[in-house]
PDB file of N, CA and C in Angstrom:
ATOM      1  N   MET A   1      25.347 -33.477 -22.536  1.00  0.00           N
ATOM      2  CA  MET A   1      26.124 -32.390 -22.082  1.00  0.00           C
ATOM      3  C   MET A   1      25.382 -31.738 -20.900  1.00  0.00           C
ATOM      4  N   ASN A   2      26.170 -31.258 -20.017  1.00  0.00           N
ATOM      5  CA  ASN A   2      25.591 -30.527 -18.889  1.00  0.00           C
ATOM      6  C   ASN A   2      25.424 -29.089 -19.283  1.00  0.00           C
ATOM      7  N   LYS A   3      24.253 -28.572 -19.026  1.00  0.00           N
ATOM      8  CA  LYS A   3      24.016 -27.187 -19.296  1.00  0.00           C
ATOM      9  C   LYS A   3      24.383 -26.357 -18.047  1.00  0.00           C
ATOM     10  N   ILE A   4      25.051 -25.307 -18.234  1.00  0.00           N
ATOM     11  CA  ILE A   4      25.457 -24.428 -17.147  1.00  0.00           C
ATOM     12  C   ILE A   4      24.362 -23.370 -16.994  1.00  0.00           C
ATOM     13  N   LYS A   5      23.794 -23.319 -15.788  1.00  0.00           N
ATOM     14  CA  LYS A   5      22.764 -22.345 -15.588  1.00  0.00           C
ATOM     15  C   LYS A   5      23.404 -20.981 -15.278  1.00  0.00           C
ATOM     16  N   LYS A   6      22.849 -20.004 -15.848  1.00  0.00           N
ATOM     17  CA  LYS A   6      23.322 -18.594 -15.500  1.00  0.00           C
ATOM     18  C   LYS A   6      22.742 -18.188 -14.122  1.00  0.00           C
ATOM     19  N   PRO A   7      23.613 -17.649 -13.287  1.00  0.00           N
ATOM     20  CA  PRO A   7      23.083 -17.166 -12.015  1.00  0.00           C
ATOM     21  C   PRO A   7      22.101 -16.063 -12.206  1.00  0.00           C
ATOM     22  N   GLU A   8      21.030 -16.135 -11.399  1.00  0.00           N
ATOM     23  CA  GLU A   8      20.010 -15.150 -11.561  1.00  0.00           C
ATOM     24  C   GLU A   8      20.618 -13.798 -10.919  1.00  0.00           C
ATOM     25  N   ILE A   9      20.367 -12.719 -11.594  1.00  0.00           N
ATOM     26  CA  ILE A   9      20.793 -11.449 -11.111  1.00  0.00           C
ATOM     27  C   ILE A   9      19.743 -10.957 -10.077  1.00  0.00           C
ATOM     28  N   ASN A  10      20.156 -10.634  -8.925  1.00  0.00           N
ATOM     29  CA  ASN A  10      19.252 -10.120  -7.967  1.00  0.00           C
ATOM     30  C   ASN A  10      19.202  -8.562  -8.098  1.00  0.00           C
ATOM     31  N   SER A  11      18.395  -8.112  -8.968  1.00  0.00           N
ATOM     32  CA  SER A  11      18.322  -6.648  -9.248  1.00  0.00           C
ATOM     33  C   SER A  11      17.517  -5.949  -8.206  1.00  0.00           C
ATOM     34  N   PHE A  12      17.773  -4.711  -7.970  1.00  0.00           N
ATOM     35  CA  PHE A  12      17.079  -3.933  -6.978  1.00  0.00           C
ATOM     36  C   PHE A  12      16.486  -2.763  -7.736  1.00  0.00           C
ATOM     37  N   PRO A  13      15.325  -2.357  -7.628  1.00  0.00           N
ATOM     38  CA  PRO A  13      14.189  -2.931  -6.743  1.00  0.00           C
ATOM     39  C   PRO A  13      13.567  -4.066  -7.476  1.00  0.00           C
ATOM     40  N   ASN A  14      13.326  -5.167  -6.785  1.00  0.00           N
ATOM     41  CA  ASN A  14      12.705  -6.409  -7.293  1.00  0.00           C
ATOM     42  C   ASN A  14      11.303  -6.413  -6.860  1.00  0.00           C
ATOM     43  N   ASN A  15      10.586  -7.495  -7.287  1.00  0.00           N
ATOM     44  CA  ASN A  15       9.110  -7.560  -6.962  1.00  0.00           C
ATOM     45  C   ASN A  15       8.887  -7.681  -5.486  1.00  0.00           C
ATOM     46  N   GLU A  16       9.798  -8.315  -4.709  1.00  0.00           N
ATOM     47  CA  GLU A  16       9.577  -8.362  -3.243  1.00  0.00           C
ATOM     48  C   GLU A  16       9.624  -6.955  -2.661  1.00  0.00           C
ATOM     49  N   PHE A  17      10.457  -6.069  -3.182  1.00  0.00           N
ATOM     50  CA  PHE A  17      10.573  -4.731  -2.675  1.00  0.00           C
ATOM     51  C   PHE A  17       9.214  -3.998  -2.892  1.00  0.00           C
ATOM     52  N   TRP A  18       8.717  -4.097  -4.162  1.00  0.00           N
ATOM     53  CA  TRP A  18       7.398  -3.387  -4.466  1.00  0.00           C
ATOM     54  C   TRP A  18       6.226  -4.010  -3.631  1.00  0.00           C
ATOM     55  N   ASP A  19       6.242  -5.366  -3.462  1.00  0.00           N
ATOM     56  CA  ASP A  19       5.229  -5.965  -2.627  1.00  0.00           C
ATOM     57  C   ASP A  19       5.245  -5.474  -1.179  1.00  0.00           C
ATOM     58  N   SER A  20       6.449  -5.296  -0.682  1.00  0.00           N
ATOM     59  CA  SER A  20       6.565  -4.863   0.780  1.00  0.00           C
ATOM     60  C   SER A  20       6.139  -3.360   0.838  1.00  0.00           C
ATOM     61  N   LEU A  21       6.423  -2.646  -0.155  1.00  0.00           N
ATOM     62  CA  LEU A  21       5.921  -1.175  -0.188  1.00  0.00           C
ATOM     63  C   LEU A  21       4.405  -1.155  -0.272  1.00  0.00           C
ATOM     64  N   GLU A  22       3.769  -2.009  -1.000  1.00  0.00           N
ATOM     65  CA  GLU A  22       2.407  -2.075  -1.065  1.00  0.00           C
ATOM     66  C   GLU A  22       1.762  -2.461   0.277  1.00  0.00           C
ATOM     67  N   ARG A  23       2.381  -3.421   0.949  1.00  0.00           N
ATOM     68  CA  ARG A  23       1.895  -3.808   2.290  1.00  0.00           C
ATOM     69  C   ARG A  23       2.016  -2.678   3.247  1.00  0.00           C
ATOM     70  N   ILE A  24       3.139  -1.911   3.155  1.00  0.00           N
ATOM     71  CA  ILE A  24       3.400  -0.749   4.111  1.00  0.00           C
ATOM     72  C   ILE A  24       2.302   0.287   3.901  1.00  0.00           C
ATOM     73  N   VAL A  25       2.028   0.589   2.617  1.00  0.00           N
ATOM     74  CA  VAL A  25       1.001   1.618   2.302  1.00  0.00           C
ATOM     75  C   VAL A  25      -0.386   1.209   2.780  1.00  0.00           C
ATOM     76  N   ASN A  26      -0.718  -0.084   2.510  1.00  0.00           N
ATOM     77  CA  ASN A  26      -1.989  -0.580   2.979  1.00  0.00           C
ATOM     78  C   ASN A  26      -2.152  -0.581   4.508  1.00  0.00           C
ATOM     79  N   GLY A  27      -0.999  -0.986   5.138  1.00  0.00           N
ATOM     80  CA  GLY A  27      -1.020  -0.998   6.600  1.00  0.00           C
ATOM     81  C   GLY A  27      -1.185   0.464   7.209  1.00  0.00           C
ATOM     82  N   LEU A  28      -0.466   1.390   6.650  1.00  0.00           N
ATOM     83  CA  LEU A  28      -0.561   2.737   7.137  1.00  0.00           C
ATOM     84  C   LEU A  28      -1.996   3.318   6.902  1.00  0.00           C
ATOM     85  N   SER A  29      -2.553   2.981   5.703  1.00  0.00           N
ATOM     86  CA  SER A  29      -3.880   3.435   5.388  1.00  0.00           C
ATOM     87  C   SER A  29      -4.872   2.877   6.406  1.00  0.00           C
ATOM     88  N   ASN A  30      -4.758   1.569   6.677  1.00  0.00           N
ATOM     89  CA  ASN A  30      -5.633   0.985   7.697  1.00  0.00           C
ATOM     90  C   ASN A  30      -5.466   1.534   9.029  1.00  0.00           C
ATOM     91  N   LEU A  31      -4.257   1.827   9.380  1.00  0.00           N
ATOM     92  CA  LEU A  31      -4.061   2.414  10.730  1.00  0.00           C
ATOM     93  C   LEU A  31      -4.666   3.805  10.859  1.00  0.00           C
ATOM     94  N   ILE A  32      -4.536   4.638   9.806  1.00  0.00           N
ATOM     95  CA  ILE A  32      -5.120   5.942   9.839  1.00  0.00           C
ATOM     96  C   ILE A  32      -6.678   5.848   9.814  1.00  0.00           C
ATOM     97  N   LYS A  33      -7.264   4.887   9.088  1.00  0.00           N
ATOM     98  CA  LYS A  33      -8.680   4.708   9.068  1.00  0.00           C
ATOM     99  C   LYS A  33      -9.163   4.303  10.465  1.00  0.00           C
ATOM    100  N   ASN A  34      -8.418   3.395  11.123  1.00  0.00           N
ATOM    101  CA  ASN A  34      -8.845   3.024  12.486  1.00  0.00           C
ATOM    102  C   ASN A  34      -8.749   4.153  13.447  1.00  0.00           C
ATOM    103  N   ILE A  35      -7.747   5.074  13.272  1.00  0.00           N
ATOM    104  CA  ILE A  35      -7.695   6.218  14.179  1.00  0.00           C
ATOM    105  C   ILE A  35      -8.888   7.168  13.932  1.00  0.00           C
ATOM    106  N   ILE A  36      -9.185   7.305  12.608  1.00  0.00           N
ATOM    107  CA  ILE A  36     -10.338   8.177  12.259  1.00  0.00           C
ATOM    108  C   ILE A  36     -11.582   7.590  12.865  1.00  0.00           C
ATOM    109  N   SER A  37     -11.812   6.228  12.761  1.00  0.00           N
ATOM    110  CA  SER A  37     -12.988   5.621  13.300  1.00  0.00           C
ATOM    111  C   SER A  37     -13.029   5.829  14.829  1.00  0.00           C
ATOM    112  N   ALA A  38     -11.888   5.748  15.497  1.00  0.00           N
ATOM    113  CA  ALA A  38     -11.896   5.939  16.958  1.00  0.00           C
ATOM    114  C   ALA A  38     -12.245   7.364  17.320  1.00  0.00           C
ATOM    115  N   LEU A  39     -11.768   8.383  16.522  1.00  0.00           N
ATOM    116  CA  LEU A  39     -12.118   9.728  16.766  1.00  0.00           C
ATOM    117  C   LEU A  39     -13.642   9.991  16.499  1.00  0.00           C
ATOM    118  N   ASN A  40     -14.187   9.224  15.545  1.00  0.00           N
ATOM    119  CA  ASN A  40     -15.610   9.345  15.260  1.00  0.00           C
ATOM    120  C   ASN A  40     -16.427   8.804  16.418  1.00  0.00           C
ATOM    121  N   LYS A  41     -16.012   7.632  16.955  1.00  0.00           N
ATOM    122  CA  LYS A  41     -16.729   6.990  18.123  1.00  0.00           C
ATOM    123  C   LYS A  41     -16.652   7.855  19.425  1.00  0.00           C
ATOM    124  N   LEU A  42     -15.508   8.553  19.479  1.00  0.00           N
ATOM    125  CA  LEU A  42     -15.330   9.441  20.664  1.00  0.00           C
ATOM    126  C   LEU A  42     -16.147  10.786  20.514  1.00  0.00           C
ATOM    127  N   GLY A  43     -16.656  11.044  19.321  1.00  0.00           N
ATOM    128  CA  GLY A  43     -17.376  12.260  19.097  1.00  0.00           C
ATOM    129  C   GLY A  43     -16.550  13.407  18.759  1.00  0.00           C
ATOM    130  N   ILE A  44     -15.308  13.176  18.470  1.00  0.00           N
ATOM    131  CA  ILE A  44     -14.413  14.310  18.117  1.00  0.00           C
ATOM    132  C   ILE A  44     -14.639  14.814  16.741  1.00  0.00           C
ATOM    133  N   ILE A  45     -14.891  13.871  15.808  1.00  0.00           N
ATOM    134  CA  ILE A  45     -15.171  14.298  14.419  1.00  0.00           C
ATOM    135  C   ILE A  45     -16.513  13.616  14.025  1.00  0.00           C
ATOM    136  N   SER A  46     -17.227  14.182  13.075  1.00  0.00           N
ATOM    137  CA  SER A  46     -18.521  13.652  12.588  1.00  0.00           C
ATOM    138  C   SER A  46     -18.371  12.464  11.699  1.00  0.00           C
ATOM    139  N   TYR A  47     -19.464  11.717  11.577  1.00  0.00           N
ATOM    140  CA  TYR A  47     -19.441  10.556  10.740  1.00  0.00           C
ATOM    141  C   TYR A  47     -19.154  10.926   9.321  1.00  0.00           C
ATOM    142  N   ASP A  48     -19.791  12.010   8.850  1.00  0.00           N
ATOM    143  CA  ASP A  48     -19.605  12.408   7.443  1.00  0.00           C
ATOM    144  C   ASP A  48     -18.119  12.747   7.125  1.00  0.00           C
ATOM    145  N   LEU A  49     -17.510  13.484   8.048  1.00  0.00           N
ATOM    146  CA  LEU A  49     -16.096  13.833   7.891  1.00  0.00           C
ATOM    147  C   LEU A  49     -15.187  12.584   7.914  1.00  0.00           C
ATOM    148  N   SER A  50     -15.490  11.650   8.829  1.00  0.00           N
ATOM    149  CA  SER A  50     -14.635  10.440   8.910  1.00  0.00           C
ATOM    150  C   SER A  50     -14.815   9.602   7.669  1.00  0.00           C
ATOM    151  N   PHE A  51     -16.086   9.511   7.182  1.00  0.00           N
ATOM    152  CA  PHE A  51     -16.370   8.795   5.953  1.00  0.00           C
ATOM    153  C   PHE A  51     -15.538   9.372   4.735  1.00  0.00           C
ATOM    154  N   LYS A  52     -15.572  10.680   4.652  1.00  0.00           N
ATOM    155  CA  LYS A  52     -14.921  11.311   3.463  1.00  0.00           C
ATOM    156  C   LYS A  52     -13.379  11.083   3.621  1.00  0.00           C
ATOM    157  N   ILE A  53     -12.795  11.130   4.844  1.00  0.00           N
ATOM    158  CA  ILE A  53     -11.410  10.978   5.003  1.00  0.00           C
ATOM    159  C   ILE A  53     -11.039   9.553   4.616  1.00  0.00           C
ATOM    160  N   LYS A  54     -11.820   8.589   5.094  1.00  0.00           N
ATOM    161  CA  LYS A  54     -11.598   7.209   4.781  1.00  0.00           C
ATOM    162  C   LYS A  54     -11.625   6.926   3.273  1.00  0.00           C
ATOM    163  N   MET A  55     -12.589   7.505   2.560  1.00  0.00           N
ATOM    164  CA  MET A  55     -12.711   7.373   1.122  1.00  0.00           C
ATOM    165  C   MET A  55     -11.539   8.001   0.396  1.00  0.00           C
ATOM    166  N   ILE A  56     -11.060   9.141   0.826  1.00  0.00           N
ATOM    167  CA  ILE A  56      -9.876   9.779   0.240  1.00  0.00           C
ATOM    168  C   ILE A  56      -8.654   8.922   0.482  1.00  0.00           C
ATOM    169  N   LEU A  57      -8.472   8.451   1.663  1.00  0.00           N
ATOM    170  CA  LEU A  57      -7.356   7.574   1.991  1.00  0.00           C
ATOM    171  C   LEU A  57      -7.316   6.258   1.162  1.00  0.00           C
ATOM    172  N   SER A  58      -8.565   5.707   0.993  1.00  0.00           N
ATOM    173  CA  SER A  58      -8.638   4.452   0.206  1.00  0.00           C
ATOM    174  C   SER A  58      -8.276   4.730  -1.317  1.00  0.00           C
ATOM    175  N   GLY A  59      -8.676   5.846  -1.794  1.00  0.00           N
ATOM    176  CA  GLY A  59      -8.275   6.257  -3.166  1.00  0.00           C
ATOM    177  C   GLY A  59      -6.821   6.469  -3.340  1.00  0.00           C
ATOM    178  N   ILE A  60      -6.208   7.164  -2.353  1.00  0.00           N
ATOM    179  CA  ILE A  60      -4.814   7.415  -2.438  1.00  0.00           C
ATOM    180  C   ILE A  60      -3.998   6.131  -2.322  1.00  0.00           C
ATOM    181  N   ALA A  61      -4.443   5.265  -1.362  1.00  0.00           N
ATOM    182  CA  ALA A  61      -3.662   3.951  -1.214  1.00  0.00           C
ATOM    183  C   ALA A  61      -3.830   3.152  -2.464  1.00  0.00           C
ATOM    184  N   SER A  62      -4.986   3.104  -3.076  1.00  0.00           N
ATOM    185  CA  SER A  62      -5.208   2.305  -4.288  1.00  0.00           C
ATOM    186  C   SER A  62      -4.306   2.895  -5.446  1.00  0.00           C
ATOM    187  N   ALA A  63      -4.253   4.129  -5.577  1.00  0.00           N
ATOM    188  CA  ALA A  63      -3.472   4.813  -6.596  1.00  0.00           C
ATOM    189  C   ALA A  63      -1.979   4.474  -6.397  1.00  0.00           C
ATOM    190  N   ILE A  64      -1.509   4.537  -5.172  1.00  0.00           N
ATOM    191  CA  ILE A  64      -0.083   4.211  -4.875  1.00  0.00           C
ATOM    192  C   ILE A  64       0.173   2.777  -5.183  1.00  0.00           C
ATOM    193  N   CYS A  65      -0.724   1.855  -4.854  1.00  0.00           N
ATOM    194  CA  CYS A  65      -0.510   0.480  -5.062  1.00  0.00           C
ATOM    195  C   CYS A  65      -0.565   0.125  -6.594  1.00  0.00           C
ATOM    196  N   VAL A  66      -1.310   0.850  -7.408  1.00  0.00           N
ATOM    197  CA  VAL A  66      -1.260   0.686  -8.851  1.00  0.00           C
ATOM    198  C   VAL A  66       0.047   1.186  -9.390  1.00  0.00           C
ATOM    199  N   ILE A  67       0.520   2.262  -8.877  1.00  0.00           N
ATOM    200  CA  ILE A  67       1.831   2.741  -9.306  1.00  0.00           C
ATOM    201  C   ILE A  67       2.959   1.722  -8.988  1.00  0.00           C
ATOM    202  N   PHE A  68       2.942   1.120  -7.762  1.00  0.00           N
ATOM    203  CA  PHE A  68       3.857   0.100  -7.438  1.00  0.00           C
ATOM    204  C   PHE A  68       3.752  -1.152  -8.312  1.00  0.00           C
ATOM    205  N   ASP A  69       2.479  -1.482  -8.644  1.00  0.00           N
ATOM    206  CA  ASP A  69       2.265  -2.675  -9.469  1.00  0.00           C
ATOM    207  C   ASP A  69       2.826  -2.467 -10.864  1.00  0.00           C
ATOM    208  N   LYS A  70       2.692  -1.223 -11.389  1.00  0.00           N
ATOM    209  CA  LYS A  70       3.269  -0.920 -12.696  1.00  0.00           C
ATOM    210  C   LYS A  70       4.759  -0.885 -12.700  1.00  0.00           C
ATOM    211  N   GLN A  71       5.318  -0.461 -11.587  1.00  0.00           N
ATOM    212  CA  GLN A  71       6.823  -0.411 -11.438  1.00  0.00           C
ATOM    213  C   GLN A  71       7.448  -1.811 -11.431  1.00  0.00           C
ATOM    214  N   LYS A  72       6.643  -2.779 -10.992  1.00  0.00           N
ATOM    215  CA  LYS A  72       7.245  -4.178 -11.042  1.00  0.00           C
ATOM    216  C   LYS A  72       7.545  -4.626 -12.472  1.00  0.00           C
ATOM    217  N   LYS A  73       6.882  -4.089 -13.497  1.00  0.00           N
ATOM    218  CA  LYS A  73       6.964  -4.579 -14.807  1.00  0.00           C
ATOM    219  C   LYS A  73       8.184  -3.928 -15.555  1.00  0.00           C
ATOM    220  N   TYR A  74       8.763  -2.946 -14.955  1.00  0.00           N
ATOM    221  CA  TYR A  74       9.877  -2.219 -15.550  1.00  0.00           C
ATOM    222  C   TYR A  74      11.201  -2.559 -14.951  1.00  0.00           C
TER     223      TYR A  74
END
């Protein structure tokens, strides 16, 4: 007998959606970090301040990515 396959339901938001959001967040985080590094090299902000801003941004981006990762499972 031929088994009839059920069509896959393309639900939204799917894993591709969450993956693309993660890439966007990581890209924006890297862009801001690069801008901060450039400001540091130009002498506009100090190394300590730029380092703190980068650390805060890394933490925020990581937290957002964890939230997106958990949303994939629901």
